[in-house]
Amino acid sequence: MGDFYLKRIYEPYDESDGFRILVDRVWPRGISKEAAKLTAWQKDVAPSPDLRKWFCHKPELFEEFRTKYIEELRTDEQKKSIINDLILMRSKGKVTLLYGAKDSEYNHAIVLQEELNRITL
């Protein structure tokens, strides 16, 4: 199978991205749908609005955020269904998870990627 990959949506499109899946709940500013070249927008796999607002991309909250978001990913039926869809997609080719956050170290896409890679190992 292989890994899921991460890329900031503001980085240029590349054919090697494979399936391009936006995993943010909110559409990224300044990006047109044409420029995004998405395969899908899976906004419901993103953290719940309350969790996203609580975290607010503060590095000091990231470990607690990670724990809470993993719990959502493992218990929310809609998120579990999307994860299954992403795993199925990955069996057909490379999947790049796209996110809009400026911080490439402390964001939900990293947690989602880790969880997907853990499941597919």
N, C-alpha and C. Protein backbone atom coordinates (compact mmCIF):
# COMPACT_ATOMS: atom_id res chain seq x y z
N MET A 1 0.82 -1.18 0.00
CA MET A 1 0.00 0.00 0.00
C MET A 1 0.88 1.25 0.00
N GLY A 2 1.23 1.78 1.14
CA GLY A 2 2.08 2.96 1.19
C GLY A 2 1.50 4.02 2.09
N ASP A 3 2.22 5.10 2.13
CA ASP A 3 1.87 6.19 3.01
C ASP A 3 0.88 7.16 2.37
N PHE A 4 0.25 7.93 3.23
CA PHE A 4 -0.52 9.09 2.80
C PHE A 4 0.44 10.27 2.89
N TYR A 5 0.32 11.20 1.97
CA TYR A 5 1.22 12.34 1.90
C TYR A 5 0.50 13.61 2.28
N LEU A 6 1.27 14.61 2.71
CA LEU A 6 0.72 15.91 3.10
C LEU A 6 1.28 16.98 2.19
N LYS A 7 0.44 17.98 1.94
CA LYS A 7 0.89 19.11 1.14
C LYS A 7 0.00 20.31 1.47
N ARG A 8 0.61 21.45 1.59
CA ARG A 8 -0.18 22.67 1.79
C ARG A 8 -0.85 23.02 0.47
N ILE A 9 -2.12 23.33 0.51
CA ILE A 9 -2.88 23.57 -0.72
C ILE A 9 -2.33 24.75 -1.51
N TYR A 10 -1.59 25.62 -0.87
CA TYR A 10 -1.02 26.78 -1.55
C TYR A 10 0.24 26.43 -2.35
N GLU A 11 0.75 25.22 -2.17
CA GLU A 11 1.88 24.77 -2.97
C GLU A 11 1.36 24.42 -4.36
N PRO A 12 2.21 24.56 -5.38
CA PRO A 12 1.75 24.28 -6.75
C PRO A 12 1.29 22.84 -6.94
N TYR A 13 0.29 22.70 -7.79
CA TYR A 13 -0.19 21.38 -8.20
C TYR A 13 0.94 20.63 -8.89
N ASP A 14 0.97 19.33 -8.64
CA ASP A 14 1.94 18.47 -9.31
C ASP A 14 1.21 17.19 -9.68
N GLU A 15 1.42 16.72 -10.88
CA GLU A 15 0.76 15.49 -11.34
C GLU A 15 1.04 14.32 -10.41
N SER A 16 2.23 14.33 -9.79
CA SER A 16 2.61 13.22 -8.91
C SER A 16 1.85 13.22 -7.59
N ASP A 17 1.01 14.24 -7.34
CA ASP A 17 0.20 14.28 -6.11
C ASP A 17 -0.78 13.12 -6.04
N GLY A 18 -1.16 12.58 -7.17
CA GLY A 18 -2.17 11.51 -7.19
C GLY A 18 -3.53 12.09 -6.83
N PHE A 19 -4.27 11.36 -5.99
CA PHE A 19 -5.57 11.85 -5.53
C PHE A 19 -5.32 13.02 -4.58
N ARG A 20 -5.93 14.15 -4.86
CA ARG A 20 -5.75 15.36 -4.04
C ARG A 20 -7.02 15.56 -3.21
N ILE A 21 -6.87 15.39 -1.89
CA ILE A 21 -8.01 15.44 -0.98
C ILE A 21 -7.83 16.61 -0.01
N LEU A 22 -8.72 17.58 -0.08
CA LEU A 22 -8.71 18.68 0.88
C LEU A 22 -9.37 18.19 2.16
N VAL A 23 -8.66 18.32 3.28
CA VAL A 23 -9.16 17.79 4.56
C VAL A 23 -9.46 18.91 5.56
N ASP A 24 -9.63 20.12 5.10
CA ASP A 24 -10.00 21.25 5.95
C ASP A 24 -11.51 21.41 5.95
N ARG A 25 -12.03 21.87 7.07
CA ARG A 25 -13.47 22.13 7.18
C ARG A 25 -13.85 23.42 6.42
N VAL A 26 -12.92 24.37 6.39
CA VAL A 26 -13.17 25.67 5.78
C VAL A 26 -12.36 25.77 4.48
N TRP A 27 -12.99 26.28 3.43
CA TRP A 27 -12.29 26.44 2.15
C TRP A 27 -11.15 27.45 2.32
N PRO A 28 -9.95 27.12 1.81
CA PRO A 28 -8.79 28.02 1.96
C PRO A 28 -8.95 29.31 1.16
N ARG A 29 -8.59 30.40 1.79
CA ARG A 29 -8.71 31.72 1.16
C ARG A 29 -7.78 31.83 -0.05
N GLY A 30 -8.30 32.48 -1.08
CA GLY A 30 -7.49 32.80 -2.23
C GLY A 30 -7.24 31.65 -3.19
N ILE A 31 -7.87 30.52 -2.98
CA ILE A 31 -7.69 29.37 -3.87
C ILE A 31 -9.00 29.12 -4.61
N SER A 32 -8.92 29.11 -5.92
CA SER A 32 -10.12 28.79 -6.70
C SER A 32 -10.27 27.28 -6.78
N LYS A 33 -11.47 26.84 -7.01
CA LYS A 33 -11.71 25.40 -7.14
C LYS A 33 -10.95 24.84 -8.33
N GLU A 34 -10.83 25.62 -9.39
CA GLU A 34 -10.06 25.17 -10.55
C GLU A 34 -8.59 25.00 -10.20
N ALA A 35 -8.01 25.97 -9.50
CA ALA A 35 -6.59 25.92 -9.15
C ALA A 35 -6.29 24.79 -8.16
N ALA A 36 -7.27 24.45 -7.33
CA ALA A 36 -7.05 23.41 -6.32
C ALA A 36 -6.89 22.03 -6.94
N LYS A 37 -7.55 21.81 -8.07
CA LYS A 37 -7.49 20.52 -8.78
C LYS A 37 -7.74 19.35 -7.82
N LEU A 38 -8.84 19.45 -7.08
CA LEU A 38 -9.15 18.44 -6.07
C LEU A 38 -9.81 17.20 -6.68
N THR A 39 -9.50 16.08 -6.06
CA THR A 39 -10.25 14.87 -6.32
C THR A 39 -11.50 14.89 -5.46
N ALA A 40 -11.35 15.37 -4.22
CA ALA A 40 -12.47 15.44 -3.29
C ALA A 40 -12.17 16.45 -2.19
N TRP A 41 -13.24 16.95 -1.57
CA TRP A 41 -13.13 17.80 -0.39
C TRP A 41 -13.82 17.05 0.74
N GLN A 42 -13.04 16.52 1.66
CA GLN A 42 -13.57 15.74 2.77
C GLN A 42 -13.57 16.59 4.04
N LYS A 43 -14.39 17.63 4.07
CA LYS A 43 -14.39 18.55 5.19
C LYS A 43 -14.88 17.91 6.49
N ASP A 44 -15.67 16.85 6.39
CA ASP A 44 -16.21 16.24 7.61
C ASP A 44 -15.21 15.34 8.34
N VAL A 45 -14.03 15.12 7.76
CA VAL A 45 -12.99 14.38 8.47
C VAL A 45 -12.13 15.34 9.31
N ALA A 46 -12.31 16.62 9.09
CA ALA A 46 -11.58 17.63 9.87
C ALA A 46 -12.09 17.63 11.32
N PRO A 47 -11.33 18.23 12.21
CA PRO A 47 -11.80 18.32 13.61
C PRO A 47 -13.15 19.03 13.70
N SER A 48 -13.91 18.67 14.71
CA SER A 48 -15.19 19.33 14.93
C SER A 48 -14.96 20.83 15.09
N PRO A 49 -15.96 21.65 14.77
CA PRO A 49 -15.79 23.10 14.92
C PRO A 49 -15.34 23.51 16.32
N ASP A 50 -15.91 22.89 17.35
CA ASP A 50 -15.52 23.25 18.72
C ASP A 50 -14.05 22.93 18.99
N LEU A 51 -13.60 21.76 18.54
CA LEU A 51 -12.21 21.38 18.76
C LEU A 51 -11.28 22.29 17.95
N ARG A 52 -11.63 22.59 16.73
CA ARG A 52 -10.81 23.46 15.88
C ARG A 52 -10.67 24.84 16.51
N LYS A 53 -11.78 25.39 17.00
CA LYS A 53 -11.74 26.72 17.63
C LYS A 53 -10.94 26.69 18.93
N TRP A 54 -11.09 25.63 19.70
CA TRP A 54 -10.35 25.51 20.96
C TRP A 54 -8.84 25.47 20.71
N PHE A 55 -8.42 24.69 19.75
CA PHE A 55 -6.99 24.53 19.44
C PHE A 55 -6.39 25.82 18.89
N CYS A 56 -7.04 26.42 17.92
CA CYS A 56 -6.63 27.71 17.35
C CYS A 56 -5.14 27.72 16.94
N HIS A 57 -4.62 26.55 16.55
CA HIS A 57 -3.24 26.39 16.08
C HIS A 57 -2.19 26.86 17.09
N LYS A 58 -2.46 26.67 18.37
CA LYS A 58 -1.50 27.04 19.41
C LYS A 58 -0.62 25.83 19.71
N PRO A 59 0.68 25.94 19.42
CA PRO A 59 1.59 24.79 19.61
C PRO A 59 1.52 24.17 21.01
N GLU A 60 1.32 25.00 22.03
CA GLU A 60 1.29 24.48 23.40
C GLU A 60 0.07 23.60 23.66
N LEU A 61 -0.95 23.67 22.82
CA LEU A 61 -2.15 22.84 22.96
C LEU A 61 -2.13 21.62 22.05
N PHE A 62 -1.07 21.48 21.24
CA PHE A 62 -1.09 20.47 20.19
C PHE A 62 -1.22 19.05 20.71
N GLU A 63 -0.51 18.67 21.75
CA GLU A 63 -0.57 17.29 22.24
C GLU A 63 -1.97 16.94 22.75
N GLU A 64 -2.59 17.86 23.47
CA GLU A 64 -3.96 17.63 23.94
C GLU A 64 -4.92 17.61 22.75
N PHE A 65 -4.70 18.51 21.79
CA PHE A 65 -5.50 18.52 20.57
C PHE A 65 -5.38 17.19 19.84
N ARG A 66 -4.16 16.67 19.71
CA ARG A 66 -3.91 15.40 19.03
C ARG A 66 -4.75 14.29 19.67
N THR A 67 -4.73 14.21 20.98
CA THR A 67 -5.48 13.19 21.70
C THR A 67 -6.98 13.31 21.43
N LYS A 68 -7.49 14.53 21.50
CA LYS A 68 -8.92 14.74 21.30
C LYS A 68 -9.33 14.48 19.86
N TYR A 69 -8.49 14.87 18.92
CA TYR A 69 -8.82 14.65 17.51
C TYR A 69 -8.76 13.17 17.16
N ILE A 70 -7.78 12.46 17.67
CA ILE A 70 -7.72 11.01 17.43
C ILE A 70 -8.97 10.34 17.98
N GLU A 71 -9.42 10.78 19.14
CA GLU A 71 -10.66 10.23 19.70
C GLU A 71 -11.83 10.47 18.75
N GLU A 72 -11.91 11.68 18.19
CA GLU A 72 -12.97 11.96 17.21
C GLU A 72 -12.84 11.04 16.00
N LEU A 73 -11.63 10.87 15.49
CA LEU A 73 -11.42 10.05 14.31
C LEU A 73 -11.82 8.59 14.55
N ARG A 74 -11.63 8.13 15.77
CA ARG A 74 -11.90 6.72 16.08
C ARG A 74 -13.33 6.46 16.54
N THR A 75 -14.08 7.50 16.90
CA THR A 75 -15.42 7.27 17.45
C THR A 75 -16.54 7.87 16.61
N ASP A 76 -16.28 8.91 15.85
CA ASP A 76 -17.30 9.54 15.04
C ASP A 76 -17.56 8.71 13.78
N GLU A 77 -18.79 8.26 13.60
CA GLU A 77 -19.12 7.36 12.50
C GLU A 77 -18.86 7.99 11.14
N GLN A 78 -19.16 9.26 10.98
CA GLN A 78 -18.93 9.92 9.69
C GLN A 78 -17.43 9.99 9.39
N LYS A 79 -16.64 10.33 10.38
CA LYS A 79 -15.19 10.40 10.19
C LYS A 79 -14.63 9.00 9.89
N LYS A 80 -15.12 7.99 10.57
CA LYS A 80 -14.66 6.61 10.32
C LYS A 80 -14.99 6.19 8.89
N SER A 81 -16.14 6.57 8.40
CA SER A 81 -16.54 6.23 7.03
C SER A 81 -15.62 6.91 6.02
N ILE A 82 -15.30 8.18 6.25
CA ILE A 82 -14.39 8.90 5.35
C ILE A 82 -13.01 8.27 5.39
N ILE A 83 -12.55 7.89 6.57
CA ILE A 83 -11.24 7.22 6.69
C ILE A 83 -11.23 5.94 5.87
N ASN A 84 -12.30 5.17 5.94
CA ASN A 84 -12.39 3.95 5.13
C ASN A 84 -12.33 4.28 3.65
N ASP A 85 -13.01 5.35 3.23
CA ASP A 85 -12.97 5.78 1.83
C ASP A 85 -11.55 6.17 1.42
N LEU A 86 -10.85 6.87 2.29
CA LEU A 86 -9.47 7.29 1.99
C LEU A 86 -8.55 6.08 1.88
N ILE A 87 -8.75 5.11 2.74
CA ILE A 87 -7.93 3.89 2.69
C ILE A 87 -8.19 3.14 1.39
N LEU A 88 -9.44 3.06 1.00
CA LEU A 88 -9.78 2.41 -0.27
C LEU A 88 -9.14 3.16 -1.44
N MET A 89 -9.20 4.48 -1.40
CA MET A 89 -8.60 5.30 -2.44
C MET A 89 -7.09 5.05 -2.50
N ARG A 90 -6.48 4.93 -1.32
CA ARG A 90 -5.03 4.72 -1.26
C ARG A 90 -4.65 3.39 -1.90
N SER A 91 -5.53 2.41 -1.85
CA SER A 91 -5.23 1.12 -2.48
C SER A 91 -5.19 1.24 -4.01
N LYS A 92 -5.70 2.38 -4.53
CA LYS A 92 -5.73 2.60 -5.98
C LYS A 92 -4.65 3.56 -6.47
N GLY A 93 -3.93 4.18 -5.54
CA GLY A 93 -2.89 5.12 -5.95
C GLY A 93 -2.49 6.05 -4.82
N LYS A 94 -1.58 6.95 -5.14
CA LYS A 94 -1.07 7.91 -4.15
C LYS A 94 -2.18 8.86 -3.73
N VAL A 95 -2.24 9.15 -2.43
CA VAL A 95 -3.21 10.10 -1.89
C VAL A 95 -2.44 11.20 -1.17
N THR A 96 -2.71 12.43 -1.59
CA THR A 96 -2.11 13.60 -0.94
C THR A 96 -3.20 14.34 -0.20
N LEU A 97 -3.02 14.49 1.11
CA LEU A 97 -3.95 15.22 1.96
C LEU A 97 -3.55 16.69 1.93
N LEU A 98 -4.46 17.54 1.53
CA LEU A 98 -4.19 18.97 1.40
C LEU A 98 -4.79 19.73 2.58
N TYR A 99 -4.04 20.71 3.06
CA TYR A 99 -4.50 21.54 4.18
C TYR A 99 -4.10 22.98 3.92
N GLY A 100 -4.73 23.91 4.60
CA GLY A 100 -4.46 25.32 4.39
C GLY A 100 -3.62 25.98 5.46
N ALA A 101 -3.47 25.36 6.61
CA ALA A 101 -2.77 25.98 7.74
C ALA A 101 -1.36 26.42 7.37
N LYS A 102 -0.94 27.56 7.92
CA LYS A 102 0.42 28.06 7.69
C LYS A 102 1.45 27.19 8.40
N ASP A 103 1.08 26.70 9.56
CA ASP A 103 2.01 25.92 10.38
C ASP A 103 2.03 24.48 9.90
N SER A 104 3.17 24.05 9.38
CA SER A 104 3.28 22.69 8.85
C SER A 104 3.62 21.67 9.93
N GLU A 105 3.83 22.14 11.15
CA GLU A 105 4.21 21.23 12.23
C GLU A 105 3.07 20.96 13.21
N TYR A 106 2.20 21.94 13.39
CA TYR A 106 1.11 21.82 14.37
C TYR A 106 -0.23 22.06 13.68
N ASN A 107 -0.73 21.03 13.01
CA ASN A 107 -2.03 21.15 12.38
C ASN A 107 -2.72 19.79 12.34
N HIS A 108 -4.01 19.80 12.10
CA HIS A 108 -4.80 18.57 12.16
C HIS A 108 -4.43 17.58 11.07
N ALA A 109 -3.96 18.05 9.92
CA ALA A 109 -3.63 17.15 8.82
C ALA A 109 -2.51 16.18 9.21
N ILE A 110 -1.60 16.63 10.03
CA ILE A 110 -0.51 15.76 10.51
C ILE A 110 -1.09 14.61 11.32
N VAL A 111 -2.02 14.93 12.20
CA VAL A 111 -2.65 13.91 13.04
C VAL A 111 -3.43 12.92 12.18
N LEU A 112 -4.17 13.45 11.21
CA LEU A 112 -4.94 12.60 10.31
C LEU A 112 -4.00 11.69 9.52
N GLN A 113 -2.93 12.23 8.99
CA GLN A 113 -1.96 11.44 8.25
C GLN A 113 -1.39 10.31 9.11
N GLU A 114 -1.00 10.63 10.33
CA GLU A 114 -0.46 9.62 11.24
C GLU A 114 -1.48 8.51 11.50
N GLU A 115 -2.72 8.89 11.71
CA GLU A 115 -3.77 7.91 11.99
C GLU A 115 -4.01 7.03 10.77
N LEU A 116 -4.06 7.62 9.58
CA LEU A 116 -4.25 6.84 8.36
C LEU A 116 -3.08 5.89 8.12
N ASN A 117 -1.87 6.37 8.31
CA ASN A 117 -0.70 5.52 8.11
C ASN A 117 -0.65 4.40 9.16
N ARG A 118 -1.10 4.69 10.38
CA ARG A 118 -1.15 3.67 11.43
C ARG A 118 -2.12 2.54 11.04
N ILE A 119 -3.26 2.93 10.50
CA ILE A 119 -4.29 1.96 10.12
C ILE A 119 -3.84 1.10 8.96
N THR A 120 -3.12 1.68 8.01
CA THR A 120 -2.78 0.96 6.79
C THR A 120 -1.48 0.16 6.90
N LEU A 121 -0.82 0.22 8.03
CA LEU A 121 0.43 -0.57 8.19
C LEU A 121 0.16 -2.03 8.35
